[in-house]
Amino acid sequence: MPLVTLMERQAVIFEGVDLWESSDQSCEIMLKHLATARQIAQNAEMYSLTAEQMLEGREWDK
């Protein structure tokens, strides 16, 4: 769900709606998810290098 949509939603509780959608904190949760995604994206190169080092020298079944 786009961030703008979450920011414009009224705090109305509907039946069958996920808990995070029925909460006043839905925008806060979305912003935390976006911040975490940004951190993961910024560290992608480090994750890749670490994986390469861990897998270096291993032999795989063919």
C-alpha atoms as a PDB file:
ATOM      1  CA  MET A   1       0.000   0.000   0.000  1.00  0.00           C
ATOM      2  CA  PRO A   2       1.536   3.363  -0.932  1.00  0.00           C
ATOM      3  CA  LEU A   3       2.758   5.517   1.929  1.00  0.00           C
ATOM      4  CA  VAL A   4       0.540   8.444   0.905  1.00  0.00           C
ATOM      5  CA  THR A   5      -2.539   6.225   1.119  1.00  0.00           C
ATOM      6  CA  LEU A   6      -1.612   5.188   4.650  1.00  0.00           C
ATOM      7  CA  MET A   7      -0.994   8.792   5.653  1.00  0.00           C
ATOM      8  CA  GLU A   8      -4.413   9.869   4.333  1.00  0.00           C
ATOM      9  CA  ARG A   9      -6.420   7.020   5.909  1.00  0.00           C
ATOM     10  CA  GLN A  10      -8.827   7.803   8.666  1.00  0.00           C
ATOM     11  CA  ALA A  11      -8.446   5.835  11.874  1.00  0.00           C
ATOM     12  CA  VAL A  12     -11.565   3.734  11.271  1.00  0.00           C
ATOM     13  CA  ILE A  13     -11.690   0.070  12.229  1.00  0.00           C
ATOM     14  CA  PHE A  14     -13.266  -2.262   9.671  1.00  0.00           C
ATOM     15  CA  GLU A  15     -14.072  -5.932  10.175  1.00  0.00           C
ATOM     16  CA  GLY A  16     -11.573  -8.221   8.492  1.00  0.00           C
ATOM     17  CA  VAL A  17      -8.863  -5.585   8.277  1.00  0.00           C
ATOM     18  CA  ASP A  18      -5.363  -6.494   9.404  1.00  0.00           C
ATOM     19  CA  LEU A  19      -4.328  -5.235  12.837  1.00  0.00           C
ATOM     20  CA  TRP A  20      -1.737  -2.836  11.468  1.00  0.00           C
ATOM     21  CA  GLU A  21      -4.368  -1.249   9.201  1.00  0.00           C
ATOM     22  CA  SER A  22      -6.782  -0.622  12.062  1.00  0.00           C
ATOM     23  CA  SER A  23      -4.216   1.083  14.256  1.00  0.00           C
ATOM     24  CA  ASP A  24      -3.323   4.745  14.599  1.00  0.00           C
ATOM     25  CA  GLN A  25       0.257   3.612  14.233  1.00  0.00           C
ATOM     26  CA  SER A  26      -0.046   2.276  10.677  1.00  0.00           C
ATOM     27  CA  CYS A  27       2.081   5.118   9.282  1.00  0.00           C
ATOM     28  CA  GLU A  28       4.709   4.604  11.968  1.00  0.00           C
ATOM     29  CA  ILE A  29       4.901   0.902  11.139  1.00  0.00           C
ATOM     30  CA  MET A  30       5.203   1.637   7.417  1.00  0.00           C
ATOM     31  CA  LEU A  31       7.942   4.217   8.017  1.00  0.00           C
ATOM     32  CA  LYS A  32       9.879   1.723  10.157  1.00  0.00           C
ATOM     33  CA  HIS A  33       9.573  -0.886   7.386  1.00  0.00           C
ATOM     34  CA  LEU A  34      10.832   1.640   4.837  1.00  0.00           C
ATOM     35  CA  ALA A  35      13.764   2.601   7.085  1.00  0.00           C
ATOM     36  CA  THR A  36      14.689  -1.062   7.528  1.00  0.00           C
ATOM     37  CA  ALA A  37      14.450  -1.645   3.774  1.00  0.00           C
ATOM     38  CA  ARG A  38      16.731   1.356   3.194  1.00  0.00           C
ATOM     39  CA  GLN A  39      19.320  -0.036   5.624  1.00  0.00           C
ATOM     40  CA  ILE A  40      19.245  -3.430   3.916  1.00  0.00           C
ATOM     41  CA  ALA A  41      19.632  -1.803   0.491  1.00  0.00           C
ATOM     42  CA  GLN A  42      22.532   0.344   1.705  1.00  0.00           C
ATOM     43  CA  ASN A  43      24.305  -2.735   3.096  1.00  0.00           C
ATOM     44  CA  ALA A  44      23.618  -4.988   0.089  1.00  0.00           C
ATOM     45  CA  GLU A  45      27.239  -4.874  -1.083  1.00  0.00           C
ATOM     46  CA  MET A  46      28.495  -5.884   2.373  1.00  0.00           C
ATOM     47  CA  TYR A  47      26.006  -8.782   2.481  1.00  0.00           C
ATOM     48  CA  SER A  48      27.156  -9.913  -0.957  1.00  0.00           C
ATOM     49  CA  LEU A  49      30.854  -9.789  -0.030  1.00  0.00           C
ATOM     50  CA  THR A  50      30.202 -11.666   3.212  1.00  0.00           C
ATOM     51  CA  ALA A  51      28.290 -14.382   1.354  1.00  0.00           C
ATOM     52  CA  GLU A  52      31.086 -14.707  -1.220  1.00  0.00           C
ATOM     53  CA  GLN A  53      33.682 -15.073   1.559  1.00  0.00           C
ATOM     54  CA  MET A  54      31.607 -17.694   3.355  1.00  0.00           C
ATOM     55  CA  LEU A  55      31.065 -19.701   0.164  1.00  0.00           C
ATOM     56  CA  GLU A  56      34.628 -19.358  -1.116  1.00  0.00           C
ATOM     57  CA  GLY A  57      36.364 -22.678  -1.624  1.00  0.00           C
ATOM     58  CA  ARG A  58      33.262 -24.809  -1.232  1.00  0.00           C
ATOM     59  CA  GLU A  59      32.580 -27.529  -3.730  1.00  0.00           C
ATOM     60  CA  TRP A  60      29.054 -28.066  -4.993  1.00  0.00           C
ATOM     61  CA  ASP A  61      27.412 -31.229  -6.276  1.00  0.00           C
ATOM     62  CA  LYS A  62      26.831 -31.159 -10.002  1.00  0.00           C
END
